[in-house]
C-alpha atoms as a PDB file:
ATOM      1  CA  UNK A   1     -10.567  13.347 -10.795  1.00  0.00           C
ATOM      2  CA  UNK A   2      -8.631  10.684  -8.965  1.00  0.00           C
ATOM      3  CA  UNK A   3      -7.120  11.079  -5.546  1.00  0.00           C
ATOM      4  CA  UNK A   4      -3.368  11.019  -5.048  1.00  0.00           C
ATOM      5  CA  UNK A   5      -3.268   8.850  -1.924  1.00  0.00           C
ATOM      6  CA  UNK A   6      -3.807   5.185  -2.719  1.00  0.00           C
ATOM      7  CA  UNK A   7      -6.055   4.036   0.092  1.00  0.00           C
ATOM      8  CA  UNK A   8      -9.801   3.549   0.547  1.00  0.00           C
ATOM      9  CA  UNK A   9     -12.088   5.548   2.801  1.00  0.00           C
ATOM     10  CA  UNK A  10     -15.140   3.807   4.233  1.00  0.00           C
ATOM     11  CA  UNK A  11     -15.171   1.448   1.276  1.00  0.00           C
ATOM     12  CA  UNK A  12     -14.980   4.343  -1.182  1.00  0.00           C
ATOM     13  CA  UNK A  13     -11.951   5.911  -2.840  1.00  0.00           C
ATOM     14  CA  UNK A  14     -10.622   9.036  -1.139  1.00  0.00           C
ATOM     15  CA  UNK A  15      -7.370  10.753  -0.235  1.00  0.00           C
ATOM     16  CA  UNK A  16      -5.815  13.655   1.579  1.00  0.00           C
ATOM     17  CA  UNK A  17      -5.013  15.859  -1.388  1.00  0.00           C
ATOM     18  CA  UNK A  18      -8.100  15.506  -3.586  1.00  0.00           C
ATOM     19  CA  UNK A  19     -10.584  13.663  -1.400  1.00  0.00           C
ATOM     20  CA  UNK A  20     -13.769  12.538  -3.093  1.00  0.00           C
ATOM     21  CA  UNK A  21     -16.931  13.392  -1.189  1.00  0.00           C
ATOM     22  CA  UNK A  22     -18.942  10.626   0.439  1.00  0.00           C
ATOM     23  CA  UNK A  23     -22.596  10.493  -0.624  1.00  0.00           C
ATOM     24  CA  UNK A  24     -25.029  12.083   1.776  1.00  0.00           C
ATOM     25  CA  UNK A  25     -26.379   8.661   2.740  1.00  0.00           C
ATOM     26  CA  UNK A  26     -22.947   7.348   3.785  1.00  0.00           C
ATOM     27  CA  UNK A  27     -22.092   7.100   7.478  1.00  0.00           C
ATOM     28  CA  UNK A  28     -19.057   6.026   9.451  1.00  0.00           C
ATOM     29  CA  UNK A  29     -20.396   2.482   9.287  1.00  0.00           C
ATOM     30  CA  UNK A  30     -19.009   0.111   6.704  1.00  0.00           C
ATOM     31  CA  UNK A  31     -19.883   0.853   3.090  1.00  0.00           C
ATOM     32  CA  UNK A  32     -19.855  -2.240   0.913  1.00  0.00           C
ATOM     33  CA  UNK A  33     -18.353  -2.012  -2.546  1.00  0.00           C
ATOM     34  CA  UNK A  34     -18.232  -4.354  -5.484  1.00  0.00           C
ATOM     35  CA  UNK A  35     -15.149  -6.586  -5.511  1.00  0.00           C
ATOM     36  CA  UNK A  36     -13.186  -7.317  -8.630  1.00  0.00           C
ATOM     37  CA  UNK A  37     -13.669 -10.677 -10.270  1.00  0.00           C
ATOM     38  CA  UNK A  38     -11.354 -13.383  -8.916  1.00  0.00           C
ATOM     39  CA  UNK A  39      -8.825 -14.468 -11.487  1.00  0.00           C
ATOM     40  CA  UNK A  40      -9.048 -11.298 -13.527  1.00  0.00           C
ATOM     41  CA  UNK A  41      -5.961 -10.970 -15.701  1.00  0.00           C
ATOM     42  CA  UNK A  42      -5.448  -7.283 -15.012  1.00  0.00           C
ATOM     43  CA  UNK A  43      -4.812  -5.829 -11.582  1.00  0.00           C
ATOM     44  CA  UNK A  44      -2.543  -3.639  -9.526  1.00  0.00           C
ATOM     45  CA  UNK A  45      -2.974  -2.219 -12.899  1.00  0.00           C
ATOM     46  CA  UNK A  46      -1.388  -4.360 -15.621  1.00  0.00           C
ATOM     47  CA  UNK A  47      -0.637  -7.291 -13.308  1.00  0.00           C
ATOM     48  CA  UNK A  48      -1.348 -11.001 -13.028  1.00  0.00           C
ATOM     49  CA  UNK A  49      -2.677 -13.182 -10.189  1.00  0.00           C
ATOM     50  CA  UNK A  50      -0.119 -14.543  -7.734  1.00  0.00           C
ATOM     51  CA  UNK A  51      -0.432 -16.289  -4.373  1.00  0.00           C
ATOM     52  CA  UNK A  52       0.544 -15.612  -0.797  1.00  0.00           C
ATOM     53  CA  UNK A  53       2.411 -18.917  -0.897  1.00  0.00           C
ATOM     54  CA  UNK A  54       4.733 -17.260  -3.412  1.00  0.00           C
ATOM     55  CA  UNK A  55       4.773 -13.981  -1.473  1.00  0.00           C
ATOM     56  CA  UNK A  56       4.117 -14.847   2.204  1.00  0.00           C
ATOM     57  CA  UNK A  57       5.200 -11.371   3.346  1.00  0.00           C
ATOM     58  CA  UNK A  58       2.411  -9.623   1.415  1.00  0.00           C
ATOM     59  CA  UNK A  59      -0.285  -8.902   4.019  1.00  0.00           C
ATOM     60  CA  UNK A  60      -3.647  -7.191   4.340  1.00  0.00           C
ATOM     61  CA  UNK A  61      -4.724  -4.420   6.701  1.00  0.00           C
ATOM     62  CA  UNK A  62      -8.319  -5.158   7.615  1.00  0.00           C
ATOM     63  CA  UNK A  63     -11.275  -3.668   9.459  1.00  0.00           C
ATOM     64  CA  UNK A  64     -14.672  -5.149   8.650  1.00  0.00           C
ATOM     65  CA  UNK A  65     -16.486  -2.616  10.808  1.00  0.00           C
ATOM     66  CA  UNK A  66     -15.032   0.165   8.678  1.00  0.00           C
ATOM     67  CA  UNK A  67     -14.755  -1.458   5.248  1.00  0.00           C
ATOM     68  CA  UNK A  68     -17.332  -4.244   5.145  1.00  0.00           C
ATOM     69  CA  UNK A  69     -17.109  -8.020   5.030  1.00  0.00           C
ATOM     70  CA  UNK A  70     -17.038  -8.779   1.304  1.00  0.00           C
ATOM     71  CA  UNK A  71     -13.241  -8.626   0.908  1.00  0.00           C
ATOM     72  CA  UNK A  72     -12.177  -9.488   4.456  1.00  0.00           C
ATOM     73  CA  UNK A  73     -12.350  -5.800   5.341  1.00  0.00           C
ATOM     74  CA  UNK A  74      -9.230  -4.976   3.281  1.00  0.00           C
ATOM     75  CA  UNK A  75      -8.328  -1.293   2.978  1.00  0.00           C
ATOM     76  CA  UNK A  76      -4.527  -1.209   2.674  1.00  0.00           C
ATOM     77  CA  UNK A  77      -1.575  -3.495   2.176  1.00  0.00           C
ATOM     78  CA  UNK A  78       1.640  -4.061   4.073  1.00  0.00           C
ATOM     79  CA  UNK A  79       4.793  -6.136   4.183  1.00  0.00           C
ATOM     80  CA  UNK A  80       5.874  -8.496   6.940  1.00  0.00           C
ATOM     81  CA  UNK A  81       9.472  -7.653   7.868  1.00  0.00           C
ATOM     82  CA  UNK A  82       9.712  -9.578  11.147  1.00  0.00           C
ATOM     83  CA  UNK A  83       7.670 -12.184  13.056  1.00  0.00           C
ATOM     84  CA  UNK A  84       5.611  -9.462  14.752  1.00  0.00           C
ATOM     85  CA  UNK A  85       6.385  -6.486  12.505  1.00  0.00           C
ATOM     86  CA  UNK A  86       4.525  -5.145   9.482  1.00  0.00           C
ATOM     87  CA  UNK A  87       5.423  -1.968   7.607  1.00  0.00           C
ATOM     88  CA  UNK A  88       2.762   0.020   5.794  1.00  0.00           C
ATOM     89  CA  UNK A  89       1.885   3.620   4.907  1.00  0.00           C
ATOM     90  CA  UNK A  90       1.273   6.309   7.520  1.00  0.00           C
ATOM     91  CA  UNK A  91      -1.779   7.568   5.657  1.00  0.00           C
ATOM     92  CA  UNK A  92      -3.462   4.162   6.117  1.00  0.00           C
ATOM     93  CA  UNK A  93      -3.816   5.045   9.813  1.00  0.00           C
ATOM     94  CA  UNK A  94      -5.119   8.570   9.404  1.00  0.00           C
ATOM     95  CA  UNK A  95      -8.443   9.524  11.029  1.00  0.00           C
ATOM     96  CA  UNK A  96      -9.828   9.874   7.517  1.00  0.00           C
ATOM     97  CA  UNK A  97      -8.989   6.259   6.751  1.00  0.00           C
ATOM     98  CA  UNK A  98     -10.053   4.741  10.069  1.00  0.00           C
ATOM     99  CA  UNK A  99     -12.651   7.194  11.348  1.00  0.00           C
ATOM    100  CA  UNK A 100     -10.522   7.931  14.410  1.00  0.00           C
ATOM    101  CA  UNK A 101      -7.393   6.737  16.160  1.00  0.00           C
ATOM    102  CA  UNK A 102      -6.284   3.201  15.298  1.00  0.00           C
ATOM    103  CA  UNK A 103      -6.854   1.986  18.871  1.00  0.00           C
ATOM    104  CA  UNK A 104     -10.501   2.950  18.552  1.00  0.00           C
ATOM    105  CA  UNK A 105     -10.943   0.330  15.803  1.00  0.00           C
ATOM    106  CA  UNK A 106     -11.435  -2.896  17.780  1.00  0.00           C
ATOM    107  CA  UNK A 107     -11.371  -5.206  14.764  1.00  0.00           C
ATOM    108  CA  UNK A 108      -8.151  -3.863  13.185  1.00  0.00           C
ATOM    109  CA  UNK A 109      -6.303  -6.933  11.941  1.00  0.00           C
ATOM    110  CA  UNK A 110      -3.325  -8.080   9.903  1.00  0.00           C
ATOM    111  CA  UNK A 111      -4.203 -10.934   7.554  1.00  0.00           C
ATOM    112  CA  UNK A 112      -1.460 -13.146   6.133  1.00  0.00           C
ATOM    113  CA  UNK A 113      -1.687 -16.179   3.880  1.00  0.00           C
ATOM    114  CA  UNK A 114      -5.007 -15.201   2.264  1.00  0.00           C
ATOM    115  CA  UNK A 115      -4.623 -15.005  -1.505  1.00  0.00           C
ATOM    116  CA  UNK A 116      -8.372 -14.678  -2.069  1.00  0.00           C
ATOM    117  CA  UNK A 117     -10.066 -12.135   0.178  1.00  0.00           C
ATOM    118  CA  UNK A 118     -13.434 -13.821  -0.366  1.00  0.00           C
ATOM    119  CA  UNK A 119     -12.100 -16.898   1.463  1.00  0.00           C
ATOM    120  CA  UNK A 120     -10.916 -17.638   4.985  1.00  0.00           C
ATOM    121  CA  UNK A 121      -7.452 -19.102   4.449  1.00  0.00           C
ATOM    122  CA  UNK A 122      -4.443 -17.892   6.391  1.00  0.00           C
ATOM    123  CA  UNK A 123      -4.353 -16.130   9.741  1.00  0.00           C
ATOM    124  CA  UNK A 124      -5.941 -12.978  11.115  1.00  0.00           C
ATOM    125  CA  UNK A 125      -3.932 -11.450  13.940  1.00  0.00           C
ATOM    126  CA  UNK A 126      -4.880  -8.550  16.173  1.00  0.00           C
ATOM    127  CA  UNK A 127      -2.786  -5.393  16.282  1.00  0.00           C
ATOM    128  CA  UNK A 128      -0.947  -4.662  19.543  1.00  0.00           C
ATOM    129  CA  UNK A 129       0.430  -1.246  18.638  1.00  0.00           C
ATOM    130  CA  UNK A 130       0.962   1.073  15.705  1.00  0.00           C
ATOM    131  CA  UNK A 131       3.711   3.643  15.306  1.00  0.00           C
ATOM    132  CA  UNK A 132       2.805   6.283  12.730  1.00  0.00           C
ATOM    133  CA  UNK A 133       5.695   8.445  11.599  1.00  0.00           C
ATOM    134  CA  UNK A 134       5.116  11.841  13.280  1.00  0.00           C
ATOM    135  CA  UNK A 135       7.114  13.455  10.456  1.00  0.00           C
ATOM    136  CA  UNK A 136       4.606  12.308   7.817  1.00  0.00           C
ATOM    137  CA  UNK A 137       3.576  15.337   5.767  1.00  0.00           C
ATOM    138  CA  UNK A 138       0.214  14.895   3.992  1.00  0.00           C
ATOM    139  CA  UNK A 139       0.917  17.930   1.832  1.00  0.00           C
ATOM    140  CA  UNK A 140       4.060  16.576   0.176  1.00  0.00           C
ATOM    141  CA  UNK A 141       3.390  12.906   1.157  1.00  0.00           C
ATOM    142  CA  UNK A 142       6.908  12.627   2.589  1.00  0.00           C
ATOM    143  CA  UNK A 143       7.642  10.278   5.486  1.00  0.00           C
ATOM    144  CA  UNK A 144       4.722   7.993   4.603  1.00  0.00           C
ATOM    145  CA  UNK A 145       5.513   4.994   6.820  1.00  0.00           C
ATOM    146  CA  UNK A 146       3.957   3.201   9.773  1.00  0.00           C
ATOM    147  CA  UNK A 147       5.106   0.203  11.813  1.00  0.00           C
ATOM    148  CA  UNK A 148       2.534  -2.300  13.073  1.00  0.00           C
ATOM    149  CA  UNK A 149       3.285  -4.697  15.923  1.00  0.00           C
ATOM    150  CA  UNK A 150       1.047  -7.754  15.939  1.00  0.00           C
ATOM    151  CA  UNK A 151      -0.284  -9.455  19.057  1.00  0.00           C
ATOM    152  CA  UNK A 152       0.964 -12.854  17.854  1.00  0.00           C
ATOM    153  CA  UNK A 153       3.946 -13.790  15.689  1.00  0.00           C
ATOM    154  CA  UNK A 154       3.799 -15.077  12.152  1.00  0.00           C
ATOM    155  CA  UNK A 155       5.990 -18.037  11.146  1.00  0.00           C
ATOM    156  CA  UNK A 156       9.723 -17.508  10.983  1.00  0.00           C
ATOM    157  CA  UNK A 157      10.765 -17.260   7.343  1.00  0.00           C
ATOM    158  CA  UNK A 158       7.623 -15.388   6.239  1.00  0.00           C
ATOM    159  CA  UNK A 159       9.294 -11.986   6.360  1.00  0.00           C
ATOM    160  CA  UNK A 160      11.092 -10.126   3.576  1.00  0.00           C
ATOM    161  CA  UNK A 161      14.410  -8.321   3.992  1.00  0.00           C
ATOM    162  CA  UNK A 162      14.242  -4.542   3.823  1.00  0.00           C
ATOM    163  CA  UNK A 163      16.581  -2.434   1.743  1.00  0.00           C
ATOM    164  CA  UNK A 164      19.110  -0.965   4.129  1.00  0.00           C
ATOM    165  CA  UNK A 165      20.518   2.561   4.408  1.00  0.00           C
ATOM    166  CA  UNK A 166      23.202   2.918   1.765  1.00  0.00           C
ATOM    167  CA  UNK A 167      21.709   0.312  -0.594  1.00  0.00           C
ATOM    168  CA  UNK A 168      22.124   1.611  -4.121  1.00  0.00           C
ATOM    169  CA  UNK A 169      21.698  -1.214  -6.643  1.00  0.00           C
ATOM    170  CA  UNK A 170      17.941  -1.855  -6.234  1.00  0.00           C
ATOM    171  CA  UNK A 171      17.254   1.844  -6.708  1.00  0.00           C
ATOM    172  CA  UNK A 172      19.135   2.261  -9.967  1.00  0.00           C
ATOM    173  CA  UNK A 173      16.998   3.410 -12.893  1.00  0.00           C
ATOM    174  CA  UNK A 174      15.900   0.466 -15.015  1.00  0.00           C
ATOM    175  CA  UNK A 175      15.963  -2.096 -12.191  1.00  0.00           C
ATOM    176  CA  UNK A 176      13.080  -4.578 -12.657  1.00  0.00           C
ATOM    177  CA  UNK A 177      10.661  -4.539  -9.734  1.00  0.00           C
ATOM    178  CA  UNK A 178       7.241  -5.843  -8.723  1.00  0.00           C
ATOM    179  CA  UNK A 179       4.389  -4.143  -6.907  1.00  0.00           C
ATOM    180  CA  UNK A 180       1.777  -6.287  -5.151  1.00  0.00           C
ATOM    181  CA  UNK A 181      -1.698  -5.653  -3.803  1.00  0.00           C
ATOM    182  CA  UNK A 182      -5.419  -6.269  -3.792  1.00  0.00           C
ATOM    183  CA  UNK A 183      -6.391  -2.797  -4.993  1.00  0.00           C
ATOM    184  CA  UNK A 184      -8.149  -1.243  -7.962  1.00  0.00           C
ATOM    185  CA  UNK A 185      -7.479  -3.160 -11.176  1.00  0.00           C
ATOM    186  CA  UNK A 186      -8.440  -0.522 -13.723  1.00  0.00           C
ATOM    187  CA  UNK A 187      -8.592   2.868 -12.002  1.00  0.00           C
ATOM    188  CA  UNK A 188     -12.381   2.630 -12.011  1.00  0.00           C
ATOM    189  CA  UNK A 189     -13.132   1.337  -8.506  1.00  0.00           C
ATOM    190  CA  UNK A 190     -12.979  -2.339  -9.493  1.00  0.00           C
ATOM    191  CA  UNK A 191     -11.068  -4.134  -6.756  1.00  0.00           C
ATOM    192  CA  UNK A 192      -9.424  -7.531  -6.997  1.00  0.00           C
ATOM    193  CA  UNK A 193     -10.377 -10.351  -4.657  1.00  0.00           C
ATOM    194  CA  UNK A 194      -7.020 -11.990  -5.289  1.00  0.00           C
ATOM    195  CA  UNK A 195      -3.444 -10.854  -4.811  1.00  0.00           C
ATOM    196  CA  UNK A 196      -2.014  -9.305  -7.957  1.00  0.00           C
ATOM    197  CA  UNK A 197       1.543  -8.455  -9.001  1.00  0.00           C
ATOM    198  CA  UNK A 198       2.612  -6.030 -11.707  1.00  0.00           C
ATOM    199  CA  UNK A 199       6.061  -5.816 -13.245  1.00  0.00           C
ATOM    200  CA  UNK A 200       7.394  -2.271 -13.189  1.00  0.00           C
ATOM    201  CA  UNK A 201      10.757  -0.578 -13.504  1.00  0.00           C
ATOM    202  CA  UNK A 202      12.517   1.709 -11.080  1.00  0.00           C
ATOM    203  CA  UNK A 203      12.655   5.112 -12.760  1.00  0.00           C
ATOM    204  CA  UNK A 204      15.181   7.920 -12.456  1.00  0.00           C
ATOM    205  CA  UNK A 205      14.499  10.433  -9.720  1.00  0.00           C
ATOM    206  CA  UNK A 206      14.544  13.145 -12.365  1.00  0.00           C
ATOM    207  CA  UNK A 207      11.495  11.555 -14.014  1.00  0.00           C
ATOM    208  CA  UNK A 208       9.409  11.888 -10.872  1.00  0.00           C
ATOM    209  CA  UNK A 209      10.781  15.328 -10.066  1.00  0.00           C
ATOM    210  CA  UNK A 210       9.526  16.470 -13.451  1.00  0.00           C
ATOM    211  CA  UNK A 211       6.171  14.698 -13.038  1.00  0.00           C
ATOM    212  CA  UNK A 212       5.605  15.922  -9.469  1.00  0.00           C
ATOM    213  CA  UNK A 213       7.390  19.256  -8.943  1.00  0.00           C
ATOM    214  CA  UNK A 214       4.893  20.253  -6.248  1.00  0.00           C
ATOM    215  CA  UNK A 215       1.109  20.518  -6.546  1.00  0.00           C
ATOM    216  CA  UNK A 216      -2.083  19.308  -4.898  1.00  0.00           C
ATOM    217  CA  UNK A 217      -0.967  15.707  -5.532  1.00  0.00           C
ATOM    218  CA  UNK A 218       2.277  16.100  -3.601  1.00  0.00           C
ATOM    219  CA  UNK A 219       5.935  16.775  -4.229  1.00  0.00           C
ATOM    220  CA  UNK A 220       8.531  14.174  -5.156  1.00  0.00           C
ATOM    221  CA  UNK A 221      11.514  14.130  -2.808  1.00  0.00           C
ATOM    222  CA  UNK A 222      14.295  11.786  -3.849  1.00  0.00           C
ATOM    223  CA  UNK A 223      15.707  11.513  -0.333  1.00  0.00           C
ATOM    224  CA  UNK A 224      12.669   9.617   0.937  1.00  0.00           C
ATOM    225  CA  UNK A 225      10.771   8.466  -2.134  1.00  0.00           C
ATOM    226  CA  UNK A 226      11.310   6.146  -5.082  1.00  0.00           C
ATOM    227  CA  UNK A 227       9.650   6.335  -8.478  1.00  0.00           C
ATOM    228  CA  UNK A 228       8.512   3.196 -10.314  1.00  0.00           C
ATOM    229  CA  UNK A 229       6.192   2.236 -13.117  1.00  0.00           C
ATOM    230  CA  UNK A 230       6.052   2.391 -16.878  1.00  0.00           C
ATOM    231  CA  UNK A 231       6.794   5.655 -18.691  1.00  0.00           C
ATOM    232  CA  UNK A 232       4.151   4.793 -21.278  1.00  0.00           C
ATOM    233  CA  UNK A 233       1.599   3.945 -18.572  1.00  0.00           C
ATOM    234  CA  UNK A 234      -0.280   0.692 -18.117  1.00  0.00           C
ATOM    235  CA  UNK A 235       1.531  -0.768 -15.098  1.00  0.00           C
ATOM    236  CA  UNK A 236       1.063   0.750 -11.652  1.00  0.00           C
ATOM    237  CA  UNK A 237      -0.361   0.502  -8.168  1.00  0.00           C
ATOM    238  CA  UNK A 238      -3.734   2.125  -7.520  1.00  0.00           C
ATOM    239  CA  UNK A 239      -6.334   2.854  -4.823  1.00  0.00           C
ATOM    240  CA  UNK A 240      -6.454   0.094  -2.209  1.00  0.00           C
ATOM    241  CA  UNK A 241      -2.781  -0.800  -2.687  1.00  0.00           C
ATOM    242  CA  UNK A 242      -1.467   1.800  -0.202  1.00  0.00           C
ATOM    243  CA  UNK A 243       1.248   0.499   2.111  1.00  0.00           C
ATOM    244  CA  UNK A 244       1.833  -2.538  -0.076  1.00  0.00           C
ATOM    245  CA  UNK A 245       5.251  -3.790  -1.159  1.00  0.00           C
ATOM    246  CA  UNK A 246       7.491  -2.750  -4.016  1.00  0.00           C
ATOM    247  CA  UNK A 247      10.242  -5.360  -4.308  1.00  0.00           C
ATOM    248  CA  UNK A 248      13.459  -5.617  -6.311  1.00  0.00           C
ATOM    249  CA  UNK A 249      16.444  -7.936  -6.088  1.00  0.00           C
ATOM    250  CA  UNK A 250      14.754  -9.905  -3.305  1.00  0.00           C
ATOM    251  CA  UNK A 251      14.359  -6.882  -1.047  1.00  0.00           C
ATOM    252  CA  UNK A 252      11.546  -4.591   0.002  1.00  0.00           C
ATOM    253  CA  UNK A 253      12.516  -1.261  -1.556  1.00  0.00           C
ATOM    254  CA  UNK A 254       9.270   0.723  -1.440  1.00  0.00           C
ATOM    255  CA  UNK A 255       5.804   1.089   0.062  1.00  0.00           C
ATOM    256  CA  UNK A 256       2.887   2.167  -2.129  1.00  0.00           C
ATOM    257  CA  UNK A 257       2.235   5.807  -1.305  1.00  0.00           C
ATOM    258  CA  UNK A 258       0.790   8.153  -3.955  1.00  0.00           C
ATOM    259  CA  UNK A 259       0.556   9.301  -7.552  1.00  0.00           C
ATOM    260  CA  UNK A 260      -1.626  11.236  -9.980  1.00  0.00           C
ATOM    261  CA  UNK A 261      -4.245   8.852 -11.287  1.00  0.00           C
ATOM    262  CA  UNK A 262      -3.240   5.246 -11.899  1.00  0.00           C
ATOM    263  CA  UNK A 263      -1.045   3.861 -14.710  1.00  0.00           C
ATOM    264  CA  UNK A 264      -1.147   7.126 -16.651  1.00  0.00           C
ATOM    265  CA  UNK A 265       1.653   7.977 -19.050  1.00  0.00           C
ATOM    266  CA  UNK A 266       3.963  10.559 -17.533  1.00  0.00           C
ATOM    267  CA  UNK A 267       2.647  10.000 -13.989  1.00  0.00           C
ATOM    268  CA  UNK A 268       4.366   6.968 -12.444  1.00  0.00           C
ATOM    269  CA  UNK A 269       3.670   5.664  -8.962  1.00  0.00           C
ATOM    270  CA  UNK A 270       5.548   7.107  -6.005  1.00  0.00           C
ATOM    271  CA  UNK A 271       6.679   4.903  -3.132  1.00  0.00           C
ATOM    272  CA  UNK A 272       8.189   5.496   0.285  1.00  0.00           C
ATOM    273  CA  UNK A 273      11.910   4.671  -0.054  1.00  0.00           C
ATOM    274  CA  UNK A 274      12.439   1.833   2.423  1.00  0.00           C
ATOM    275  CA  UNK A 275      16.194   2.351   2.712  1.00  0.00           C
ATOM    276  CA  UNK A 276      15.464   5.861   4.014  1.00  0.00           C
ATOM    277  CA  UNK A 277      13.102   4.658   6.755  1.00  0.00           C
ATOM    278  CA  UNK A 278      14.665   1.292   7.639  1.00  0.00           C
ATOM    279  CA  UNK A 279      16.310   2.806  10.720  1.00  0.00           C
ATOM    280  CA  UNK A 280      12.980   4.120  11.965  1.00  0.00           C
ATOM    281  CA  UNK A 281      11.361   0.753  11.368  1.00  0.00           C
ATOM    282  CA  UNK A 282      14.096  -0.939  13.363  1.00  0.00           C
ATOM    283  CA  UNK A 283      13.614   1.468  16.258  1.00  0.00           C
ATOM    284  CA  UNK A 284       9.888   0.781  16.447  1.00  0.00           C
ATOM    285  CA  UNK A 285       9.813  -2.933  15.615  1.00  0.00           C
ATOM    286  CA  UNK A 286       8.885  -5.358  18.373  1.00  0.00           C
END
């Protein structure tokens, strides 16, 4: 059964609610895994290949010592919202994900401008500090946000504008949106080397409240979460996309957080509602 949290653990899929067990031979060292084929026409399930030139604010969280070298050490996504500021998911920085505190991972990096993780394009920048929301609740998955401050700035103009408190229009049911990432392309542990984007729709809060009333997967809370996907299934984020951007009307409206399975009918993806955490991000940005 699939995990609810959409990150990778030691190169294998795992999560806080329904964590899959590592094989007995696995250690805290990097575990290599097979990357998805570059140029595949399905990804971030039901997506198409795009480039970081088109989406310069879509970035990679990387640790080769923890996740191997084959895909630049990618384990989560993020969005650049300022020259030195990246927002991502709190659960990406859990001890389960990193094997300890983030400052004990010496090769933790933010990678921008690298469409293909098998290549070396773009820039890799060290992390200066990470603020992980202390109110993050791994039981319900509420408050799933972290703010990363990079040691060096990225170019002005690379950042995306966040939805602000009080923004309503991008969260209306039926609003077209896109989710981006380098994660699982089929729900089977097949990861994309290249950045993928899937077209989804913002769904009514009532849809997610019905789908996730409270269970081992989590509980949908409309005050801090947003629901997006395809009611019939087929378009969704998946493992490896955690922390990545959900965008609508030119704004960052969500961060990939959790869901039951991937792209399943009746179980859309759940995202951290950016308008609800924008104030916190501003407080902890560089």
